[in-house]
């Protein structure tokens, strides 16, 4: 089998443990090698924020997997939590996508990471109702930051696969989204319900990002 893997480098074999089913699974990911085509014509950069353990790292991994044609569905997707900041980049169709994820332990310094970005993905853990109040407060604090002016926001209600989750209606009511939009006429705020673990509704998040793409200049941005 190992010689088979060496012959076919586009096949990735891994073994992982699923805490939800308490089983070990062997996962074969068939991914084609990256094509060395012309540079992407467009780009979009997103900052990914949310309280600790709300699913940010898993979402970023699955966004990338979806775009390269290797989305994991119905099996374990295990990632290590982010302590600090991580940046991931990949191409999808004609667009270079960048995700800058900041760990939930850096809540007090989130504002300093709001640089050179086009949109905000803000995750809310639907499986932990006790964290919704704090999550709402931090979102409101973010929206008062100068770099957030005119930046679109996607409120991602995550972990829909959990046994018990709060409803979208509950999140909208607690975050007072209608009042928030009314008091901020220039705010573009959309909602997506996602399970990065199963891959459910990953496509709408990708399409939302693509709606905010712009012509890509590969030269570094001036500070």
C-alpha atoms as a PDB file:
ATOM      1  CA  UNK A   1       0.000   0.000   0.000  1.00  0.00           C
ATOM      2  CA  UNK A   2       2.836   2.409   0.811  1.00  0.00           C
ATOM      3  CA  UNK A   3       4.353   1.841  -2.623  1.00  0.00           C
ATOM      4  CA  UNK A   4       0.951   2.625  -4.088  1.00  0.00           C
ATOM      5  CA  UNK A   5       0.949   5.940  -2.236  1.00  0.00           C
ATOM      6  CA  UNK A   6       4.397   6.763  -3.567  1.00  0.00           C
ATOM      7  CA  UNK A   7       3.269   6.079  -7.104  1.00  0.00           C
ATOM      8  CA  UNK A   8       0.202   8.279  -6.691  1.00  0.00           C
ATOM      9  CA  UNK A   9       1.257  11.411  -4.775  1.00  0.00           C
ATOM     10  CA  UNK A  10      -2.154  12.952  -5.338  1.00  0.00           C
ATOM     11  CA  UNK A  11      -3.629  10.448  -2.851  1.00  0.00           C
ATOM     12  CA  UNK A  12      -3.472  11.452   0.800  1.00  0.00           C
ATOM     13  CA  UNK A  13      -3.996   8.695   3.372  1.00  0.00           C
ATOM     14  CA  UNK A  14      -4.652   9.497   7.002  1.00  0.00           C
ATOM     15  CA  UNK A  15      -6.033   7.794  10.091  1.00  0.00           C
ATOM     16  CA  UNK A  16      -8.022   9.820  12.573  1.00  0.00           C
ATOM     17  CA  UNK A  17     -10.080   9.294  15.713  1.00  0.00           C
ATOM     18  CA  UNK A  18     -13.619  10.631  15.898  1.00  0.00           C
ATOM     19  CA  UNK A  19     -14.628  11.666  19.438  1.00  0.00           C
ATOM     20  CA  UNK A  20     -18.265  11.702  18.389  1.00  0.00           C
ATOM     21  CA  UNK A  21     -18.431   8.065  17.263  1.00  0.00           C
ATOM     22  CA  UNK A  22     -15.502   6.819  19.400  1.00  0.00           C
ATOM     23  CA  UNK A  23     -14.043   5.067  16.409  1.00  0.00           C
ATOM     24  CA  UNK A  24     -10.910   5.142  14.332  1.00  0.00           C
ATOM     25  CA  UNK A  25     -11.388   5.893  10.665  1.00  0.00           C
ATOM     26  CA  UNK A  26      -9.090   5.659   7.711  1.00  0.00           C
ATOM     27  CA  UNK A  27      -9.677   8.525   5.364  1.00  0.00           C
ATOM     28  CA  UNK A  28      -8.522   8.657   1.767  1.00  0.00           C
ATOM     29  CA  UNK A  29      -8.515  12.106   0.260  1.00  0.00           C
ATOM     30  CA  UNK A  30      -8.200  12.186  -3.507  1.00  0.00           C
ATOM     31  CA  UNK A  31      -6.897  15.573  -4.465  1.00  0.00           C
ATOM     32  CA  UNK A  32      -5.344  16.633  -7.717  1.00  0.00           C
ATOM     33  CA  UNK A  33      -1.976  18.405  -7.602  1.00  0.00           C
ATOM     34  CA  UNK A  34      -2.251  22.177  -7.761  1.00  0.00           C
ATOM     35  CA  UNK A  35      -2.211  23.520 -11.285  1.00  0.00           C
ATOM     36  CA  UNK A  36       0.334  26.132 -12.156  1.00  0.00           C
ATOM     37  CA  UNK A  37      -2.001  28.336 -14.111  1.00  0.00           C
ATOM     38  CA  UNK A  38      -1.969  32.096 -14.534  1.00  0.00           C
ATOM     39  CA  UNK A  39      -2.256  34.144 -11.326  1.00  0.00           C
ATOM     40  CA  UNK A  40      -5.765  34.683  -9.995  1.00  0.00           C
ATOM     41  CA  UNK A  41      -7.515  37.744 -11.366  1.00  0.00           C
ATOM     42  CA  UNK A  42      -9.397  38.497  -8.141  1.00  0.00           C
ATOM     43  CA  UNK A  43      -8.787  38.296  -4.409  1.00  0.00           C
ATOM     44  CA  UNK A  44     -10.679  38.435  -1.133  1.00  0.00           C
ATOM     45  CA  UNK A  45      -9.243  38.478   2.375  1.00  0.00           C
ATOM     46  CA  UNK A  46     -11.291  37.607   5.448  1.00  0.00           C
ATOM     47  CA  UNK A  47     -10.566  37.916   9.149  1.00  0.00           C
ATOM     48  CA  UNK A  48     -12.025  34.981  11.092  1.00  0.00           C
ATOM     49  CA  UNK A  49     -12.952  35.786  14.686  1.00  0.00           C
ATOM     50  CA  UNK A  50     -14.993  34.287  17.493  1.00  0.00           C
ATOM     51  CA  UNK A  51     -14.671  33.145  21.078  1.00  0.00           C
ATOM     52  CA  UNK A  52     -12.507  30.147  21.962  1.00  0.00           C
ATOM     53  CA  UNK A  53     -13.562  26.702  20.696  1.00  0.00           C
ATOM     54  CA  UNK A  54     -16.335  28.031  18.454  1.00  0.00           C
ATOM     55  CA  UNK A  55     -15.051  26.204  15.346  1.00  0.00           C
ATOM     56  CA  UNK A  56     -12.880  28.790  13.580  1.00  0.00           C
ATOM     57  CA  UNK A  57      -9.992  26.475  12.683  1.00  0.00           C
ATOM     58  CA  UNK A  58     -12.316  23.732  11.463  1.00  0.00           C
ATOM     59  CA  UNK A  59     -14.236  26.190   9.307  1.00  0.00           C
ATOM     60  CA  UNK A  60     -11.081  27.550   7.672  1.00  0.00           C
ATOM     61  CA  UNK A  61      -9.839  24.023   6.989  1.00  0.00           C
ATOM     62  CA  UNK A  62     -13.139  23.001   5.422  1.00  0.00           C
ATOM     63  CA  UNK A  63     -13.351  26.177   3.329  1.00  0.00           C
ATOM     64  CA  UNK A  64      -9.975  25.298   1.868  1.00  0.00           C
ATOM     65  CA  UNK A  65     -10.930  21.640   1.429  1.00  0.00           C
ATOM     66  CA  UNK A  66     -14.093  22.639  -0.405  1.00  0.00           C
ATOM     67  CA  UNK A  67     -12.212  24.920  -2.786  1.00  0.00           C
ATOM     68  CA  UNK A  68      -9.614  22.295  -3.692  1.00  0.00           C
ATOM     69  CA  UNK A  69     -12.252  19.585  -4.116  1.00  0.00           C
ATOM     70  CA  UNK A  70     -11.428  17.624  -0.955  1.00  0.00           C
ATOM     71  CA  UNK A  71     -14.285  18.521   1.409  1.00  0.00           C
ATOM     72  CA  UNK A  72     -14.574  16.049   4.274  1.00  0.00           C
ATOM     73  CA  UNK A  73     -18.159  14.973   4.850  1.00  0.00           C
ATOM     74  CA  UNK A  74     -19.483  12.532   7.376  1.00  0.00           C
ATOM     75  CA  UNK A  75     -16.072  11.817   8.897  1.00  0.00           C
ATOM     76  CA  UNK A  76     -13.781  13.310  11.497  1.00  0.00           C
ATOM     77  CA  UNK A  77     -12.220  16.702  10.901  1.00  0.00           C
ATOM     78  CA  UNK A  78      -9.742  17.240  13.689  1.00  0.00           C
ATOM     79  CA  UNK A  79      -7.667  20.415  13.985  1.00  0.00           C
ATOM     80  CA  UNK A  80      -5.549  21.922  16.717  1.00  0.00           C
ATOM     81  CA  UNK A  81      -6.831  25.124  18.325  1.00  0.00           C
ATOM     82  CA  UNK A  82      -5.196  28.361  17.231  1.00  0.00           C
ATOM     83  CA  UNK A  83      -3.076  30.188  19.773  1.00  0.00           C
ATOM     84  CA  UNK A  84      -2.243  33.492  18.171  1.00  0.00           C
ATOM     85  CA  UNK A  85      -2.842  34.102  14.479  1.00  0.00           C
ATOM     86  CA  UNK A  86      -2.748  31.849  11.428  1.00  0.00           C
ATOM     87  CA  UNK A  87      -3.038  32.849   7.777  1.00  0.00           C
ATOM     88  CA  UNK A  88      -4.108  30.425   5.064  1.00  0.00           C
ATOM     89  CA  UNK A  89      -4.321  31.136   1.327  1.00  0.00           C
ATOM     90  CA  UNK A  90      -5.697  29.162  -1.594  1.00  0.00           C
ATOM     91  CA  UNK A  91      -7.156  29.670  -5.059  1.00  0.00           C
ATOM     92  CA  UNK A  92     -10.718  28.963  -6.126  1.00  0.00           C
ATOM     93  CA  UNK A  93     -11.745  29.482  -9.734  1.00  0.00           C
ATOM     94  CA  UNK A  94     -10.403  32.952 -10.591  1.00  0.00           C
ATOM     95  CA  UNK A  95      -9.993  34.160  -6.989  1.00  0.00           C
ATOM     96  CA  UNK A  96      -7.217  34.054  -4.392  1.00  0.00           C
ATOM     97  CA  UNK A  97      -8.851  33.599  -0.970  1.00  0.00           C
ATOM     98  CA  UNK A  98      -7.039  34.461   2.249  1.00  0.00           C
ATOM     99  CA  UNK A  99      -8.295  33.646   5.741  1.00  0.00           C
ATOM    100  CA  UNK A 100      -6.643  35.258   8.748  1.00  0.00           C
ATOM    101  CA  UNK A 101      -7.762  33.433  11.872  1.00  0.00           C
ATOM    102  CA  UNK A 102      -7.140  34.910  15.314  1.00  0.00           C
ATOM    103  CA  UNK A 103      -7.438  32.769  18.433  1.00  0.00           C
ATOM    104  CA  UNK A 104     -10.260  33.407  20.873  1.00  0.00           C
ATOM    105  CA  UNK A 105      -7.781  33.988  23.690  1.00  0.00           C
ATOM    106  CA  UNK A 106      -6.723  37.211  21.936  1.00  0.00           C
ATOM    107  CA  UNK A 107     -10.127  38.894  22.275  1.00  0.00           C
ATOM    108  CA  UNK A 108      -8.665  41.977  23.917  1.00  0.00           C
ATOM    109  CA  UNK A 109      -6.342  42.590  20.970  1.00  0.00           C
ATOM    110  CA  UNK A 110      -8.620  41.616  18.059  1.00  0.00           C
ATOM    111  CA  UNK A 111      -8.675  45.178  16.753  1.00  0.00           C
ATOM    112  CA  UNK A 112      -4.972  45.202  15.877  1.00  0.00           C
ATOM    113  CA  UNK A 113      -5.543  42.282  13.492  1.00  0.00           C
ATOM    114  CA  UNK A 114      -8.137  44.225  11.489  1.00  0.00           C
ATOM    115  CA  UNK A 115      -5.708  45.187   8.729  1.00  0.00           C
ATOM    116  CA  UNK A 116      -5.644  44.528   4.989  1.00  0.00           C
ATOM    117  CA  UNK A 117      -8.940  42.647   4.930  1.00  0.00           C
ATOM    118  CA  UNK A 118     -12.163  42.795   2.937  1.00  0.00           C
ATOM    119  CA  UNK A 119     -14.665  40.984   5.155  1.00  0.00           C
ATOM    120  CA  UNK A 120     -15.243  39.537   8.616  1.00  0.00           C
ATOM    121  CA  UNK A 121     -16.374  36.001   9.409  1.00  0.00           C
ATOM    122  CA  UNK A 122     -17.643  36.049  12.991  1.00  0.00           C
ATOM    123  CA  UNK A 123     -18.436  32.648  14.486  1.00  0.00           C
ATOM    124  CA  UNK A 124     -21.015  31.933  17.167  1.00  0.00           C
ATOM    125  CA  UNK A 125     -21.128  28.508  18.826  1.00  0.00           C
ATOM    126  CA  UNK A 126     -24.711  27.280  18.612  1.00  0.00           C
ATOM    127  CA  UNK A 127     -23.948  24.371  20.947  1.00  0.00           C
ATOM    128  CA  UNK A 128     -22.934  26.624  23.865  1.00  0.00           C
ATOM    129  CA  UNK A 129     -25.826  28.946  24.807  1.00  0.00           C
ATOM    130  CA  UNK A 130     -23.889  30.191  27.842  1.00  0.00           C
ATOM    131  CA  UNK A 131     -21.356  31.918  25.559  1.00  0.00           C
ATOM    132  CA  UNK A 132     -23.856  33.799  23.390  1.00  0.00           C
ATOM    133  CA  UNK A 133     -23.998  36.858  25.647  1.00  0.00           C
ATOM    134  CA  UNK A 134     -20.220  37.322  25.647  1.00  0.00           C
ATOM    135  CA  UNK A 135     -20.083  36.640  21.912  1.00  0.00           C
ATOM    136  CA  UNK A 136     -22.701  39.323  21.277  1.00  0.00           C
ATOM    137  CA  UNK A 137     -20.780  41.879  23.337  1.00  0.00           C
ATOM    138  CA  UNK A 138     -17.539  41.209  21.465  1.00  0.00           C
ATOM    139  CA  UNK A 139     -19.262  41.561  18.091  1.00  0.00           C
ATOM    140  CA  UNK A 140     -20.714  44.920  19.095  1.00  0.00           C
ATOM    141  CA  UNK A 141     -17.265  46.011  20.287  1.00  0.00           C
ATOM    142  CA  UNK A 142     -15.766  45.003  16.946  1.00  0.00           C
ATOM    143  CA  UNK A 143     -18.322  47.005  14.988  1.00  0.00           C
ATOM    144  CA  UNK A 144     -17.245  50.177  16.801  1.00  0.00           C
ATOM    145  CA  UNK A 145     -13.660  49.777  15.552  1.00  0.00           C
ATOM    146  CA  UNK A 146     -12.650  52.167  12.787  1.00  0.00           C
ATOM    147  CA  UNK A 147     -11.278  49.424  10.476  1.00  0.00           C
ATOM    148  CA  UNK A 148     -14.722  47.776  10.463  1.00  0.00           C
ATOM    149  CA  UNK A 149     -16.385  50.737   8.760  1.00  0.00           C
ATOM    150  CA  UNK A 150     -17.879  49.606   5.432  1.00  0.00           C
ATOM    151  CA  UNK A 151     -16.607  46.041   5.946  1.00  0.00           C
ATOM    152  CA  UNK A 152     -19.217  43.307   5.381  1.00  0.00           C
ATOM    153  CA  UNK A 153     -19.854  40.810   8.171  1.00  0.00           C
ATOM    154  CA  UNK A 154     -20.990  37.205   7.940  1.00  0.00           C
ATOM    155  CA  UNK A 155     -22.344  35.948  11.261  1.00  0.00           C
ATOM    156  CA  UNK A 156     -21.639  32.221  11.157  1.00  0.00           C
ATOM    157  CA  UNK A 157     -23.782  30.115  13.487  1.00  0.00           C
ATOM    158  CA  UNK A 158     -21.541  27.080  13.854  1.00  0.00           C
ATOM    159  CA  UNK A 159     -21.684  23.476  15.090  1.00  0.00           C
ATOM    160  CA  UNK A 160     -25.137  22.648  13.730  1.00  0.00           C
ATOM    161  CA  UNK A 161     -24.196  18.979  14.020  1.00  0.00           C
ATOM    162  CA  UNK A 162     -24.171  19.120  17.830  1.00  0.00           C
ATOM    163  CA  UNK A 163     -26.944  17.179  19.630  1.00  0.00           C
ATOM    164  CA  UNK A 164     -28.554  20.364  20.984  1.00  0.00           C
ATOM    165  CA  UNK A 165     -28.181  23.803  19.431  1.00  0.00           C
ATOM    166  CA  UNK A 166     -29.885  27.166  19.743  1.00  0.00           C
ATOM    167  CA  UNK A 167     -31.985  28.255  16.806  1.00  0.00           C
ATOM    168  CA  UNK A 168     -31.165  30.978  14.322  1.00  0.00           C
ATOM    169  CA  UNK A 169     -34.204  32.897  15.608  1.00  0.00           C
ATOM    170  CA  UNK A 170     -32.777  32.836  19.129  1.00  0.00           C
ATOM    171  CA  UNK A 171     -29.401  34.140  17.943  1.00  0.00           C
ATOM    172  CA  UNK A 172     -31.036  36.921  15.920  1.00  0.00           C
ATOM    173  CA  UNK A 173     -33.148  37.973  18.904  1.00  0.00           C
ATOM    174  CA  UNK A 174     -30.292  37.878  21.410  1.00  0.00           C
ATOM    175  CA  UNK A 175     -27.946  39.814  19.122  1.00  0.00           C
ATOM    176  CA  UNK A 176     -30.801  42.231  18.242  1.00  0.00           C
ATOM    177  CA  UNK A 177     -29.721  42.100  14.612  1.00  0.00           C
ATOM    178  CA  UNK A 178     -32.680  44.044  13.260  1.00  0.00           C
ATOM    179  CA  UNK A 179     -31.988  46.922  15.653  1.00  0.00           C
ATOM    180  CA  UNK A 180     -28.269  46.692  14.877  1.00  0.00           C
ATOM    181  CA  UNK A 181     -28.881  47.028  11.142  1.00  0.00           C
ATOM    182  CA  UNK A 182     -31.377  49.850  11.633  1.00  0.00           C
ATOM    183  CA  UNK A 183     -28.912  51.844  13.729  1.00  0.00           C
ATOM    184  CA  UNK A 184     -26.075  51.186  11.246  1.00  0.00           C
ATOM    185  CA  UNK A 185     -27.498  51.847   7.749  1.00  0.00           C
ATOM    186  CA  UNK A 186     -24.127  51.205   6.100  1.00  0.00           C
ATOM    187  CA  UNK A 187     -23.636  47.812   7.753  1.00  0.00           C
ATOM    188  CA  UNK A 188     -23.765  44.726   5.554  1.00  0.00           C
ATOM    189  CA  UNK A 189     -24.491  41.807   7.875  1.00  0.00           C
ATOM    190  CA  UNK A 190     -25.563  38.377   6.682  1.00  0.00           C
ATOM    191  CA  UNK A 191     -26.107  35.083   8.513  1.00  0.00           C
ATOM    192  CA  UNK A 192     -25.061  31.529   7.686  1.00  0.00           C
ATOM    193  CA  UNK A 193     -25.755  28.334   9.612  1.00  0.00           C
ATOM    194  CA  UNK A 194     -22.860  25.909   9.221  1.00  0.00           C
ATOM    195  CA  UNK A 195     -21.485  22.600  10.391  1.00  0.00           C
ATOM    196  CA  UNK A 196     -17.827  22.586   9.432  1.00  0.00           C
ATOM    197  CA  UNK A 197     -17.549  19.107  10.975  1.00  0.00           C
ATOM    198  CA  UNK A 198     -19.925  17.577   8.433  1.00  0.00           C
ATOM    199  CA  UNK A 199     -19.353  20.102   5.652  1.00  0.00           C
ATOM    200  CA  UNK A 200     -22.955  21.320   5.775  1.00  0.00           C
ATOM    201  CA  UNK A 201     -23.459  24.768   4.202  1.00  0.00           C
ATOM    202  CA  UNK A 202     -19.785  25.368   3.445  1.00  0.00           C
ATOM    203  CA  UNK A 203     -20.677  26.385  -0.108  1.00  0.00           C
ATOM    204  CA  UNK A 204     -22.807  29.427   0.934  1.00  0.00           C
ATOM    205  CA  UNK A 205     -19.857  30.764   2.952  1.00  0.00           C
ATOM    206  CA  UNK A 206     -17.539  30.430  -0.054  1.00  0.00           C
ATOM    207  CA  UNK A 207     -20.084  32.132  -2.315  1.00  0.00           C
ATOM    208  CA  UNK A 208     -20.480  34.950   0.213  1.00  0.00           C
ATOM    209  CA  UNK A 209     -16.735  35.536   0.167  1.00  0.00           C
ATOM    210  CA  UNK A 210     -16.701  35.587  -3.631  1.00  0.00           C
ATOM    211  CA  UNK A 211     -19.337  38.332  -3.644  1.00  0.00           C
ATOM    212  CA  UNK A 212     -16.780  40.588  -1.943  1.00  0.00           C
ATOM    213  CA  UNK A 213     -13.800  39.878  -4.175  1.00  0.00           C
ATOM    214  CA  UNK A 214     -11.904  42.606  -5.997  1.00  0.00           C
ATOM    215  CA  UNK A 215      -9.225  42.740  -8.717  1.00  0.00           C
ATOM    216  CA  UNK A 216      -6.064  41.243  -7.301  1.00  0.00           C
ATOM    217  CA  UNK A 217      -2.806  43.147  -7.186  1.00  0.00           C
ATOM    218  CA  UNK A 218      -0.065  40.654  -6.185  1.00  0.00           C
ATOM    219  CA  UNK A 219       2.147  43.474  -4.959  1.00  0.00           C
ATOM    220  CA  UNK A 220       2.216  43.927  -1.158  1.00  0.00           C
ATOM    221  CA  UNK A 221      -0.219  46.500   0.141  1.00  0.00           C
ATOM    222  CA  UNK A 222       1.198  49.702   1.508  1.00  0.00           C
ATOM    223  CA  UNK A 223       0.736  50.187   5.239  1.00  0.00           C
END
